[in-house]
Amino acid sequence: MTGCLLDTNALSMLLLNDPRLTGAAKRTISNASRVIVPAISFYEIGLKVFLGKWPEMAKLIDFLEVRIDEAGFEVLPLSASAARAAAMLDWLHRDPFDRMIAAAAMQERVPVVSSDAAFDAVGVERVWG
C-alpha cells in the first residue's frame, strides 16, 4: 500500500487547481492508495481564513470536509501520541502546524507532499519537485 500525507499548502493547491502544484506531487497523490489529510490542516486553513490571511481559501472553508470526502482522501484525527511526538521533535522549526504534520507523517510512515523544504531538516520524506 502506498500512501502520502498532504501538507496544508499542497492540499490548498490541489483544491484551488493551483499551477504551482508540481507534476511529482500530482503523480504521488494520484498513484497513492491512501491520501491522508491531517485534521490540523482544517484548523490551519480556518484560522488563516478567519484572520484574513488566506482569502483564496475563504470560498472553500465551508466545504472542506465535503471536498476531501469526494476526493476519497482520509482525514487523520489529531491523536495524543502525535501531539506529544510533535512537541518532542528535535527540530528547531517552530510552526506548530508543520510540527503536527511532520509527526503525523512519521507515525503513519508516509511521505509528506509539500513545497516546504523545512520538512527536510526533520527527516521526513518529502515529495515536491
Protein backbone atom coordinates (compact mmCIF):
# COMPACT_ATOMS: atom_id res chain seq x y z
CA MET A 1 0.00 0.00 0.00
CA THR A 2 1.41 3.36 -0.99
CA GLY A 3 0.35 6.45 0.79
CA CYS A 4 1.13 10.10 1.28
CA LEU A 5 0.17 12.87 3.66
CA LEU A 6 -0.74 16.27 2.29
CA ASP A 7 0.76 19.35 3.88
CA THR A 8 -1.73 22.20 4.11
CA ASN A 9 -0.06 24.06 1.24
CA ALA A 10 -0.28 21.06 -1.10
CA LEU A 11 -3.90 20.47 -0.08
CA SER A 12 -4.81 24.07 -0.85
CA MET A 13 -3.01 23.98 -4.20
CA LEU A 14 -4.90 20.83 -5.10
CA LEU A 15 -8.27 22.27 -4.08
CA LEU A 16 -7.64 25.55 -5.91
CA ASN A 17 -6.19 23.91 -9.04
CA ASP A 18 -3.06 25.96 -8.44
CA PRO A 19 -0.49 25.53 -11.25
CA ARG A 20 2.32 25.58 -8.67
CA LEU A 21 1.38 22.02 -7.64
CA THR A 22 4.21 20.07 -9.27
CA GLY A 23 3.93 17.09 -11.55
CA ALA A 24 5.71 14.93 -8.97
CA ALA A 25 3.20 15.98 -6.33
CA LYS A 26 0.24 15.27 -8.62
CA ARG A 27 1.63 11.84 -9.57
CA THR A 28 2.25 10.92 -5.96
CA ILE A 29 -1.29 11.89 -4.99
CA SER A 30 -2.94 10.16 -7.95
CA ASN A 31 -0.87 6.96 -7.53
CA ALA A 32 -1.35 6.70 -3.76
CA SER A 33 -3.77 4.12 -2.46
CA ARG A 34 -4.09 6.23 0.69
CA VAL A 35 -4.05 10.04 0.68
CA ILE A 36 -4.07 11.47 4.18
CA VAL A 37 -5.20 14.94 5.20
CA PRO A 38 -4.27 15.72 8.80
CA ALA A 39 -7.10 17.26 10.83
CA ILE A 40 -4.72 20.04 11.91
CA SER A 41 -4.89 21.36 8.31
CA PHE A 42 -8.56 22.22 8.79
CA TYR A 43 -7.61 24.32 11.79
CA GLU A 44 -4.71 25.97 9.95
CA ILE A 45 -6.88 26.89 6.97
CA GLY A 46 -9.77 28.04 9.14
CA LEU A 47 -7.58 30.18 11.36
CA LYS A 48 -5.84 31.86 8.43
CA VAL A 49 -9.17 32.50 6.69
CA PHE A 50 -10.59 33.94 9.92
CA LEU A 51 -7.56 36.24 10.28
CA GLY A 52 -7.90 37.37 6.66
CA LYS A 53 -4.55 35.85 5.70
CA TRP A 54 -5.86 33.34 3.16
CA PRO A 55 -8.66 34.92 1.11
CA GLU A 56 -8.35 32.33 -1.68
CA MET A 57 -9.45 29.60 0.72
CA ALA A 58 -12.37 31.58 2.17
CA LYS A 59 -14.71 30.36 -0.58
CA LEU A 60 -13.87 26.73 0.27
CA ILE A 61 -13.85 26.86 4.05
CA ASP A 62 -17.44 25.65 4.48
CA PHE A 63 -16.95 22.77 2.05
CA LEU A 64 -13.54 21.40 3.02
CA GLU A 65 -14.83 18.15 4.52
CA VAL A 66 -17.09 17.53 1.53
CA ARG A 67 -14.27 18.16 -0.96
CA ILE A 68 -11.90 15.88 0.97
CA ASP A 69 -14.54 13.16 1.17
CA GLU A 70 -15.41 13.47 -2.54
CA ALA A 71 -11.73 13.08 -3.42
CA GLY A 72 -11.61 9.86 -1.41
CA PHE A 73 -8.99 11.20 0.98
CA GLU A 74 -8.69 10.11 4.59
CA VAL A 75 -8.84 12.67 7.39
CA LEU A 76 -6.34 11.75 10.08
CA PRO A 77 -7.58 12.79 13.52
CA LEU A 78 -5.26 14.59 15.88
CA SER A 79 -4.07 11.99 18.36
CA ALA A 80 -2.50 12.45 21.76
CA SER A 81 0.55 10.45 20.67
CA ALA A 82 1.06 12.62 17.55
CA ALA A 83 0.67 15.80 19.62
CA ARG A 84 3.24 14.57 22.10
CA ALA A 85 5.59 13.47 19.30
CA ALA A 86 5.24 16.88 17.60
CA ALA A 87 6.14 18.66 20.82
CA MET A 88 9.21 16.48 21.33
CA LEU A 89 10.61 16.62 17.79
CA ASP A 90 14.28 17.54 17.75
CA TRP A 91 13.60 20.27 15.19
CA LEU A 92 14.12 23.99 15.52
CA HIS A 93 11.12 24.71 13.29
CA ARG A 94 8.54 26.47 15.48
CA ASP A 95 5.44 26.32 13.26
CA PRO A 96 3.01 24.16 15.29
CA PHE A 97 1.08 23.10 12.19
CA ASP A 98 4.21 21.82 10.44
CA ARG A 99 5.34 20.06 13.61
CA MET A 100 1.99 18.20 13.81
CA ILE A 101 2.11 17.35 10.10
CA ALA A 102 5.66 16.01 10.39
CA ALA A 103 4.81 13.93 13.45
CA ALA A 104 1.73 12.51 11.72
CA ALA A 105 3.74 11.56 8.62
CA MET A 106 6.33 9.86 10.79
CA GLN A 107 3.69 7.91 12.69
CA GLU A 108 1.89 6.89 9.51
CA ARG A 109 5.21 6.11 7.77
CA VAL A 110 4.32 8.06 4.63
CA PRO A 111 5.96 10.93 2.77
CA VAL A 112 4.68 14.48 3.03
CA VAL A 113 3.60 16.20 -0.17
CA SER A 114 4.78 19.76 0.43
CA SER A 115 6.62 22.67 -1.14
CA ASP A 116 8.06 23.50 2.30
CA ALA A 117 11.71 22.41 2.46
CA ALA A 118 11.64 22.82 6.25
CA PHE A 119 10.41 19.22 6.43
CA ASP A 120 13.75 18.04 5.04
CA ALA A 121 15.51 19.08 8.26
CA VAL A 122 13.45 16.76 10.45
CA GLY A 123 13.99 13.66 8.33
CA VAL A 124 10.50 13.32 6.88
CA GLU A 125 10.49 12.12 3.30
CA ARG A 126 9.11 14.97 1.21
CA VAL A 127 7.70 14.86 -2.31
CA TRP A 128 7.63 18.01 -4.37
CA GLY A 129 9.89 18.74 -7.34
